[in-house]
C-alpha atoms as a PDB file:
ATOM      1  CA  MET A   1       5.284   3.901  -1.327  1.00  0.00           C
ATOM      2  CA  THR A   2       7.583   1.551   0.356  1.00  0.00           C
ATOM      3  CA  ALA A   3       7.692   0.707   4.409  1.00  0.00           C
ATOM      4  CA  THR A   4      11.054   2.598   4.716  1.00  0.00           C
ATOM      5  CA  SER A   5       9.742   6.013   3.119  1.00  0.00           C
ATOM      6  CA  GLU A   6       6.111   5.697   4.704  1.00  0.00           C
ATOM      7  CA  ASN A   7       8.104   5.390   8.272  1.00  0.00           C
ATOM      8  CA  ASP A   8      10.036   8.644   7.077  1.00  0.00           C
ATOM      9  CA  GLU A   9       6.459  10.436   6.278  1.00  0.00           C
ATOM     10  CA  SER A  10       5.180   9.599   9.913  1.00  0.00           C
ATOM     11  CA  PHE A  11       8.383  10.875  11.169  1.00  0.00           C
ATOM     12  CA  ARG A  12       8.416  14.247   9.387  1.00  0.00           C
ATOM     13  CA  GLU A  13       4.429  14.421  10.283  1.00  0.00           C
ATOM     14  CA  ALA A  14       5.601  14.109  14.021  1.00  0.00           C
ATOM     15  CA  ALA A  15       8.147  16.639  13.535  1.00  0.00           C
ATOM     16  CA  CYS A  16       5.045  19.226  12.142  1.00  0.00           C
ATOM     17  CA  ASN A  17       2.935  18.247  15.140  1.00  0.00           C
ATOM     18  CA  GLY A  18       5.676  19.001  17.640  1.00  0.00           C
ATOM     19  CA  ASP A  19       5.349  15.262  19.062  1.00  0.00           C
ATOM     20  CA  LYS A  20       8.781  14.617  20.553  1.00  0.00           C
ATOM     21  CA  ASP A  21       8.184  11.138  22.032  1.00  0.00           C
ATOM     22  CA  SER A  22       6.798   9.837  18.641  1.00  0.00           C
ATOM     23  CA  LEU A  23      10.034  11.149  16.944  1.00  0.00           C
ATOM     24  CA  ASN A  24      12.088   9.167  19.606  1.00  0.00           C
ATOM     25  CA  LYS A  25      10.153   6.042  19.330  1.00  0.00           C
ATOM     26  CA  LEU A  26      10.118   6.242  15.310  1.00  0.00           C
ATOM     27  CA  LEU A  27      13.793   6.252  15.485  1.00  0.00           C
ATOM     28  CA  GLU A  28      14.248   3.442  17.861  1.00  0.00           C
ATOM     29  CA  THR A  29      11.642   1.148  16.130  1.00  0.00           C
ATOM     30  CA  TYR A  30      12.906   1.499  12.613  1.00  0.00           C
ATOM     31  CA  SER A  31      15.767   2.691  10.413  1.00  0.00           C
ATOM     32  CA  ILE A  32      14.541   6.531  10.129  1.00  0.00           C
ATOM     33  CA  ASP A  33      16.519   8.849   8.116  1.00  0.00           C
ATOM     34  CA  VAL A  34      16.448  11.960  10.211  1.00  0.00           C
ATOM     35  CA  ASN A  35      17.392  14.278   6.657  1.00  0.00           C
ATOM     36  CA  SER A  36      14.490  12.661   4.486  1.00  0.00           C
ATOM     37  CA  GLN A  37      12.792  15.003   2.143  1.00  0.00           C
ATOM     38  CA  ASN A  38       9.193  14.675   1.131  1.00  0.00           C
ATOM     39  CA  PRO A  39       9.899  14.009  -2.958  1.00  0.00           C
ATOM     40  CA  VAL A  40       7.262  16.602  -3.889  1.00  0.00           C
ATOM     41  CA  ASN A  41       8.283  19.549  -1.855  1.00  0.00           C
ATOM     42  CA  GLY A  42      12.168  18.540  -0.670  1.00  0.00           C
ATOM     43  CA  TRP A  43      10.727  19.405   3.150  1.00  0.00           C
ATOM     44  CA  SER A  44      12.241  17.755   5.781  1.00  0.00           C
ATOM     45  CA  ALA A  45      11.288  16.855   9.715  1.00  0.00           C
ATOM     46  CA  LEU A  46      13.669  19.562  10.336  1.00  0.00           C
ATOM     47  CA  HIS A  47      12.138  22.018   7.973  1.00  0.00           C
ATOM     48  CA  TRP A  48       8.382  21.152   9.701  1.00  0.00           C
ATOM     49  CA  GLY A  49       9.688  21.798  13.191  1.00  0.00           C
ATOM     50  CA  CYS A  50      11.061  25.496  12.137  1.00  0.00           C
ATOM     51  CA  LYS A  51       7.721  26.175  10.106  1.00  0.00           C
ATOM     52  CA  ARG A  52       5.459  25.137  13.135  1.00  0.00           C
ATOM     53  CA  ASN A  53       8.207  26.819  15.586  1.00  0.00           C
ATOM     54  CA  HIS A  54       8.620  23.607  17.772  1.00  0.00           C
ATOM     55  CA  LYS A  55      11.523  24.631  19.518  1.00  0.00           C
ATOM     56  CA  VAL A  56      11.827  21.155  21.536  1.00  0.00           C
ATOM     57  CA  VAL A  57      11.504  19.638  18.223  1.00  0.00           C
ATOM     58  CA  VAL A  58      14.300  21.523  16.449  1.00  0.00           C
ATOM     59  CA  GLU A  59      16.846  20.878  19.370  1.00  0.00           C
ATOM     60  CA  PHE A  60      16.173  17.201  19.042  1.00  0.00           C
ATOM     61  CA  LEU A  61      16.387  16.862  15.449  1.00  0.00           C
ATOM     62  CA  LEU A  62      19.761  18.919  15.661  1.00  0.00           C
ATOM     63  CA  GLN A  63      21.297  16.554  18.337  1.00  0.00           C
ATOM     64  CA  LYS A  64      19.860  13.364  15.837  1.00  0.00           C
ATOM     65  CA  GLY A  65      22.171  14.719  13.231  1.00  0.00           C
ATOM     66  CA  GLY A  66      19.662  17.022  11.266  1.00  0.00           C
ATOM     67  CA  ASN A  67      20.738  18.780   8.592  1.00  0.00           C
ATOM     68  CA  LYS A  68      20.376  22.509   8.927  1.00  0.00           C
ATOM     69  CA  ASP A  69      21.652  23.325   5.361  1.00  0.00           C
ATOM     70  CA  LEU A  70      19.014  21.433   3.659  1.00  0.00           C
ATOM     71  CA  LEU A  71      17.019  23.120   0.887  1.00  0.00           C
ATOM     72  CA  THR A  72      13.460  22.417  -0.272  1.00  0.00           C
ATOM     73  CA  THR A  73      12.185  22.659  -3.972  1.00  0.00           C
ATOM     74  CA  LYS A  74      11.969  26.276  -3.141  1.00  0.00           C
ATOM     75  CA  GLY A  75      15.793  27.033  -2.266  1.00  0.00           C
ATOM     76  CA  GLU A  76      14.409  27.114   1.407  1.00  0.00           C
ATOM     77  CA  LYS A  77      16.641  26.327   4.432  1.00  0.00           C
ATOM     78  CA  PRO A  78      14.996  25.428   7.675  1.00  0.00           C
ATOM     79  CA  VAL A  79      16.305  28.432   9.361  1.00  0.00           C
ATOM     80  CA  ASP A  80      14.565  30.401   6.556  1.00  0.00           C
ATOM     81  CA  LEU A  81      10.709  29.005   7.813  1.00  0.00           C
ATOM     82  CA  THR A  82      10.941  30.124  11.314  1.00  0.00           C
ATOM     83  CA  THR A  83       9.310  32.909  12.890  1.00  0.00           C
ATOM     84  CA  SER A  84      10.627  32.404  16.313  1.00  0.00           C
ATOM     85  CA  GLU A  85      13.927  34.331  17.450  1.00  0.00           C
ATOM     86  CA  ASP A  86      15.423  31.655  19.654  1.00  0.00           C
ATOM     87  CA  ILE A  87      15.212  28.729  16.933  1.00  0.00           C
ATOM     88  CA  PHE A  88      16.488  31.314  14.412  1.00  0.00           C
ATOM     89  CA  ASN A  89      19.719  31.793  16.943  1.00  0.00           C
ATOM     90  CA  LEU A  90      19.644  28.264  17.612  1.00  0.00           C
ATOM     91  CA  LEU A  91      20.015  27.456  13.738  1.00  0.00           C
ATOM     92  CA  GLY A  92      22.894  30.098  13.727  1.00  0.00           C
ATOM     93  CA  GLY A  93      21.106  32.820  11.878  1.00  0.00           C
ATOM     94  CA  SER A  94      22.618  36.199  11.448  1.00  0.00           C
ATOM     95  CA  GLY A  95      20.930  38.982  12.237  1.00  0.00           C
ATOM     96  CA  ASN A  96      17.995  39.801  14.562  1.00  0.00           C
ATOM     97  CA  ARG A  97      14.940  37.235  13.099  1.00  0.00           C
ATOM     98  CA  ILE A  98      12.088  39.820  14.500  1.00  0.00           C
ATOM     99  CA  ALA A  99      13.661  42.980  13.144  1.00  0.00           C
ATOM    100  CA  ILE A 100      14.282  41.295   9.837  1.00  0.00           C
ATOM    101  CA  LEU A 101      11.004  40.074   9.478  1.00  0.00           C
ATOM    102  CA  ASN A 102       9.445  43.605  10.112  1.00  0.00           C
ATOM    103  CA  LYS A 103      11.854  45.125   7.750  1.00  0.00           C
ATOM    104  CA  ASN A 104      10.498  42.365   4.932  1.00  0.00           C
ATOM    105  CA  GLU A 105       6.930  43.094   6.143  1.00  0.00           C
ATOM    106  CA  SER A 106       6.145  45.900   4.105  1.00  0.00           C
ATOM    107  CA  ASN A 107       7.232  43.788   0.723  1.00  0.00           C
ATOM    108  CA  PHE A 108       5.291  40.975   1.476  1.00  0.00           C
ATOM    109  CA  THR A 109       2.382  40.066  -1.349  1.00  0.00           C
ATOM    110  CA  PRO A 110      -0.098  37.742  -0.199  1.00  0.00           C
ATOM    111  CA  ASN A 111      -0.186  34.213  -2.195  1.00  0.00           C
ATOM    112  CA  TYR A 112      -3.879  34.842  -3.480  1.00  0.00           C
ATOM    113  CA  LEU A 113      -2.519  37.992  -5.244  1.00  0.00           C
ATOM    114  CA  ALA A 114       0.584  36.728  -6.353  1.00  0.00           C
ATOM    115  CA  ASN A 115      -0.795  33.557  -7.798  1.00  0.00           C
ATOM    116  CA  PRO A 116      -4.637  33.803  -8.596  1.00  0.00           C
ATOM    117  CA  ALA A 117      -6.532  30.904  -9.157  1.00  0.00           C
ATOM    118  CA  PHE A 118      -6.769  29.878 -12.646  1.00  0.00           C
ATOM    119  CA  PRO A 119     -10.503  30.614 -13.412  1.00  0.00           C
ATOM    120  CA  TYR A 120      -9.883  34.271 -12.379  1.00  0.00           C
ATOM    121  CA  THR A 121      -6.630  35.147 -14.069  1.00  0.00           C
ATOM    122  CA  GLN A 122      -7.292  37.346 -16.806  1.00  0.00           C
ATOM    123  CA  PRO A 123      -4.781  37.899 -19.590  1.00  0.00           C
ATOM    124  CA  VAL A 124      -3.109  41.620 -20.651  1.00  0.00           C
ATOM    125  CA  ALA A 125      -4.392  42.896 -23.670  1.00  0.00           C
ATOM    126  CA  ASP A 126      -2.637  45.006 -26.324  1.00  0.00           C
ATOM    127  CA  LEU A 127      -4.989  47.673 -27.544  1.00  0.00           C
ATOM    128  CA  GLY A 128      -3.888  50.202 -30.473  1.00  0.00           C
ATOM    129  CA  SER A 129      -5.324  53.389 -31.581  1.00  0.00           C
ATOM    130  CA  THR A 130      -6.713  53.895 -34.930  1.00  0.00           C
ATOM    131  CA  ASN A 131      -6.215  57.268 -37.008  1.00  0.00           C
ATOM    132  CA  LEU A 132      -8.553  58.618 -39.511  1.00  0.00           C
ATOM    133  CA  ASN A 133      -6.960  56.913 -42.413  1.00  0.00           C
ATOM    134  CA  GLY A 134      -7.568  53.544 -40.603  1.00  0.00           C
ATOM    135  CA  LEU A 135      -3.980  52.684 -39.808  1.00  0.00           C
ATOM    136  CA  HIS A 136      -3.154  51.277 -36.625  1.00  0.00           C
ATOM    137  CA  THR A 137      -0.540  53.739 -35.433  1.00  0.00           C
ATOM    138  CA  GLU A 138      -0.044  52.710 -31.863  1.00  0.00           C
ATOM    139  CA  GLN A 139       0.368  49.945 -28.904  1.00  0.00           C
ATOM    140  CA  LYS A 140      -0.994  50.297 -25.662  1.00  0.00           C
ATOM    141  CA  SER A 141      -0.557  47.284 -22.982  1.00  0.00           C
ATOM    142  CA  VAL A 142      -4.003  47.427 -20.661  1.00  0.00           C
ATOM    143  CA  GLU A 143      -4.263  45.189 -17.694  1.00  0.00           C
ATOM    144  CA  VAL A 144      -7.412  43.677 -17.227  1.00  0.00           C
ATOM    145  CA  LYS A 145      -8.333  43.923 -13.326  1.00  0.00           C
ATOM    146  CA  THR A 146      -7.867  40.350 -11.719  1.00  0.00           C
ATOM    147  CA  ILE A 147     -11.234  39.169 -10.041  1.00  0.00           C
ATOM    148  CA  VAL A 148     -10.093  37.360  -6.789  1.00  0.00           C
ATOM    149  CA  PRO A 149     -12.865  35.431  -5.007  1.00  0.00           C
ATOM    150  CA  THR A 150     -12.822  36.001  -1.245  1.00  0.00           C
ATOM    151  CA  MET A 151     -14.368  33.658   1.200  1.00  0.00           C
ATOM    152  CA  GLN A 152     -14.847  34.273   4.971  1.00  0.00           C
ATOM    153  CA  GLY A 153     -13.143  31.702   7.102  1.00  0.00           C
ATOM    154  CA  LEU A 154     -10.797  30.242   4.617  1.00  0.00           C
ATOM    155  CA  ASN A 155      -6.914  30.300   5.406  1.00  0.00           C
ATOM    156  CA  GLU A 156      -5.141  30.550   2.188  1.00  0.00           C
ATOM    157  CA  ASN A 157      -2.399  28.061   3.220  1.00  0.00           C
ATOM    158  CA  GLU A 158      -5.092  25.446   3.952  1.00  0.00           C
ATOM    159  CA  LEU A 159      -7.317  23.289   1.732  1.00  0.00           C
ATOM    160  CA  VAL A 160     -10.397  22.307   2.914  1.00  0.00           C
ATOM    161  CA  LEU A 161     -11.966  19.061   1.629  1.00  0.00           C
ATOM    162  CA  LYS A 162     -15.292  16.673   2.215  1.00  0.00           C
ATOM    163  CA  ILE A 163     -14.299  13.354   2.969  1.00  0.00           C
ATOM    164  CA  ARG A 164     -17.059  10.405   3.815  1.00  0.00           C
ATOM    165  CA  VAL A 165     -16.315   6.494   3.381  1.00  0.00           C
ATOM    166  CA  ALA A 166     -17.952   4.404   0.339  1.00  0.00           C
ATOM    167  CA  TYR A 167     -20.947   2.042   0.458  1.00  0.00           C
ATOM    168  CA  ILE A 168     -22.266   2.793   4.184  1.00  0.00           C
ATOM    169  CA  ASP A 169     -25.464   4.051   5.140  1.00  0.00           C
ATOM    170  CA  ASP A 170     -24.602   7.573   6.661  1.00  0.00           C
ATOM    171  CA  ARG A 171     -23.498   9.168   3.066  1.00  0.00           C
ATOM    172  CA  ASP A 172     -22.978  12.547   5.182  1.00  0.00           C
ATOM    173  CA  PHE A 173     -19.561  14.125   4.381  1.00  0.00           C
ATOM    174  CA  ILE A 174     -17.257  15.673   7.064  1.00  0.00           C
ATOM    175  CA  GLU A 175     -14.991  18.932   6.182  1.00  0.00           C
ATOM    176  CA  VAL A 176     -11.413  18.518   6.740  1.00  0.00           C
ATOM    177  CA  GLU A 177      -8.252  20.898   6.618  1.00  0.00           C
ATOM    178  CA  MET A 178      -4.676  19.686   4.612  1.00  0.00           C
ATOM    179  CA  ASP A 179      -1.790  22.167   4.707  1.00  0.00           C
ATOM    180  CA  LYS A 180      -1.012  23.370   1.161  1.00  0.00           C
ATOM    181  CA  SER A 181       2.496  22.811   1.550  1.00  0.00           C
ATOM    182  CA  ASN A 182       2.373  18.990   2.204  1.00  0.00           C
ATOM    183  CA  LEU A 183      -0.396  17.994  -0.123  1.00  0.00           C
ATOM    184  CA  THR A 184       0.885  14.284  -1.009  1.00  0.00           C
ATOM    185  CA  PHE A 185      -1.042  11.063  -1.477  1.00  0.00           C
ATOM    186  CA  GLU A 186       0.198   9.820   2.073  1.00  0.00           C
ATOM    187  CA  SER A 187      -0.947  12.952   4.013  1.00  0.00           C
ATOM    188  CA  LEU A 188      -4.221  12.499   2.399  1.00  0.00           C
ATOM    189  CA  LYS A 189      -4.764   8.934   3.602  1.00  0.00           C
ATOM    190  CA  SER A 190      -3.224   9.507   7.120  1.00  0.00           C
ATOM    191  CA  VAL A 191      -6.247  12.661   7.170  1.00  0.00           C
ATOM    192  CA  MET A 192      -8.816  10.671   6.181  1.00  0.00           C
ATOM    193  CA  CYS A 193      -7.613   7.365   8.377  1.00  0.00           C
ATOM    194  CA  LYS A 194      -7.468  10.240  11.743  1.00  0.00           C
ATOM    195  CA  GLU A 195     -10.898  11.823  10.684  1.00  0.00           C
ATOM    196  CA  LEU A 196     -12.782   8.641   9.321  1.00  0.00           C
ATOM    197  CA  GLY A 197     -11.839   6.479  12.019  1.00  0.00           C
ATOM    198  CA  ILE A 198     -10.445   3.738   9.813  1.00  0.00           C
ATOM    199  CA  GLU A 199      -7.224   1.461   9.240  1.00  0.00           C
ATOM    200  CA  ARG A 200      -4.763   2.467   6.725  1.00  0.00           C
ATOM    201  CA  ARG A 201      -4.345  -1.252   6.016  1.00  0.00           C
ATOM    202  CA  LEU A 202      -8.148  -1.091   4.716  1.00  0.00           C
ATOM    203  CA  ILE A 203      -8.337   1.588   2.179  1.00  0.00           C
ATOM    204  CA  ASN A 204      -8.590   0.096  -1.710  1.00  0.00           C
ATOM    205  CA  LYS A 205      -8.693   3.225  -2.746  1.00  0.00           C
ATOM    206  CA  ILE A 206      -9.829   7.289  -2.868  1.00  0.00           C
ATOM    207  CA  ARG A 207     -12.098   8.259  -5.433  1.00  0.00           C
ATOM    208  CA  LYS A 208     -12.498  11.881  -6.229  1.00  0.00           C
ATOM    209  CA  LEU A 209     -16.637  12.198  -6.948  1.00  0.00           C
ATOM    210  CA  PRO A 210     -18.307  11.587  -9.284  1.00  0.00           C
ATOM    211  CA  ASN A 211     -15.472   8.808 -11.248  1.00  0.00           C
ATOM    212  CA  THR A 212     -11.800   9.728 -10.803  1.00  0.00           C
ATOM    213  CA  ILE A 213      -9.153   7.528  -8.617  1.00  0.00           C
ATOM    214  CA  LEU A 214      -6.670   8.969  -6.700  1.00  0.00           C
ATOM    215  CA  ARG A 215      -3.306   7.740  -7.266  1.00  0.00           C
ATOM    216  CA  LYS A 216      -0.020   9.896  -6.713  1.00  0.00           C
ATOM    217  CA  ASP A 217       0.843  13.369  -5.375  1.00  0.00           C
ATOM    218  CA  LYS A 218       0.020  15.563  -8.342  1.00  0.00           C
ATOM    219  CA  ASP A 219      -3.377  13.572  -8.155  1.00  0.00           C
ATOM    220  CA  VAL A 220      -3.956  15.677  -4.698  1.00  0.00           C
ATOM    221  CA  GLN A 221      -2.325  18.766  -5.709  1.00  0.00           C
ATOM    222  CA  ARG A 222      -5.165  19.070  -8.334  1.00  0.00           C
ATOM    223  CA  LEU A 223      -7.666  19.186  -5.731  1.00  0.00           C
ATOM    224  CA  CYS A 224      -9.920  22.589  -4.855  1.00  0.00           C
ATOM    225  CA  ASP A 225     -11.352  23.538  -2.435  1.00  0.00           C
ATOM    226  CA  PHE A 226     -14.282  21.523  -1.025  1.00  0.00           C
ATOM    227  CA  GLN A 227     -13.384  18.583  -3.576  1.00  0.00           C
ATOM    228  CA  GLU A 228     -15.838  15.593  -2.382  1.00  0.00           C
ATOM    229  CA  LEU A 229     -13.884  12.358  -1.713  1.00  0.00           C
ATOM    230  CA  GLU A 230     -14.594   9.145  -0.761  1.00  0.00           C
ATOM    231  CA  VAL A 231     -12.771   6.321   0.206  1.00  0.00           C
ATOM    232  CA  VAL A 232     -13.331   3.089  -0.549  1.00  0.00           C
ATOM    233  CA  LEU A 233     -12.284   0.378   1.700  1.00  0.00           C
ATOM    234  CA  THR A 234     -11.194  -3.100   1.221  1.00  0.00           C
ATOM    235  CA  ASN A 235     -14.416  -5.512   0.019  1.00  0.00           C
ATOM    236  CA  LYS A 236     -16.961  -5.939   2.889  1.00  0.00           C
ATOM    237  CA  VAL A 237     -14.609  -4.817   5.781  1.00  0.00           C
ATOM    238  CA  PRO A 238     -16.656  -2.227   7.865  1.00  0.00           C
ATOM    239  CA  PRO A 239     -14.122   1.059   9.036  1.00  0.00           C
ATOM    240  CA  ALA A 240     -12.829   0.400  12.231  1.00  0.00           C
ATOM    241  CA  GLY A 241     -14.265   3.422  14.075  1.00  0.00           C
ATOM    242  CA  ALA A 242     -17.716   3.028  12.644  1.00  0.00           C
ATOM    243  CA  GLY A 243     -19.204   2.114  15.980  1.00  0.00           C
ATOM    244  CA  MET A 244     -17.586   5.335  17.502  1.00  0.00           C
ATOM    245  CA  ARG A 245     -18.324   7.630  14.550  1.00  0.00           C
ATOM    246  CA  GLY A 246     -22.063   6.381  14.196  1.00  0.00           C
ATOM    247  CA  LEU A 247     -21.264   4.635  10.960  1.00  0.00           C
ATOM    248  CA  ALA A 248     -23.572   1.976   9.587  1.00  0.00           C
ATOM    249  CA  ALA A 249     -21.763  -0.998   8.182  1.00  0.00           C
ATOM    250  CA  PRO A 250     -21.760  -1.812   4.716  1.00  0.00           C
ATOM    251  CA  ILE A 251     -24.908  -3.033   3.168  1.00  0.00           C
ATOM    252  CA  LYS A 252     -25.417  -6.868   4.069  1.00  0.00           C
ATOM    253  CA  ASN A 253     -24.059  -8.906   0.872  1.00  0.00           C
ATOM    254  CA  GLN A 254     -23.176  -6.059  -1.030  1.00  0.00           C
ATOM    255  CA  GLU A 255     -20.777  -6.846  -3.691  1.00  0.00           C
ATOM    256  CA  VAL A 256     -18.082  -3.905  -4.634  1.00  0.00           C
ATOM    257  CA  LEU A 257     -16.358  -4.462  -8.143  1.00  0.00           C
ATOM    258  CA  TYR A 258     -13.048  -2.513  -8.173  1.00  0.00           C
END
């Protein structure tokens, strides 16, 4: 990823977090495209501001030339993602947003029912009846019930991962959450840096245990809940936040082969 695209990603992340000051600082410091879109899902900073109902961010982005007609890969405009009536009206939405949400509520199908997890999806079986002469006479479609796993406390819009730093004395994992609408390799890096207290420049690679290296957005999008990951740092360089988190430094004279 180029420095420009990484700055654009940071800009969208700041909009998601409602951080107007960071948005302004990024615009002043770098050549930021206000309307840059994530190459995987097509979300712009304005999409994120609307999704998280950050009115101040939405107003700021519009002042800076934010395009309210940009479409995600699913064909969604920013106005389609907000539940705030103020933002809805700010973007020129037609009708009453609250009334529209209430009207559509009865037709809403939860994602875990509309798109069940792969291992639990069962096919539709075609069964036929046979008469006394052994002839196949009639086809009947019988739908096998789908088993939907449930785990208390899980948010269907979040992916829960277990992460740690490789080659240190403390081998415990910590659990983190990622928004399923923003499952990118760079977002994963940002989460790991923040939660593990490490610097992005020190990351050598990210390993899906036991022995698979993550390299791109599609690798991240294939991860399942509670997948164990570890970040491998540049050889013999301890994590920046090791002292704060109580992590031990890498074993002395340890040689890591990449």
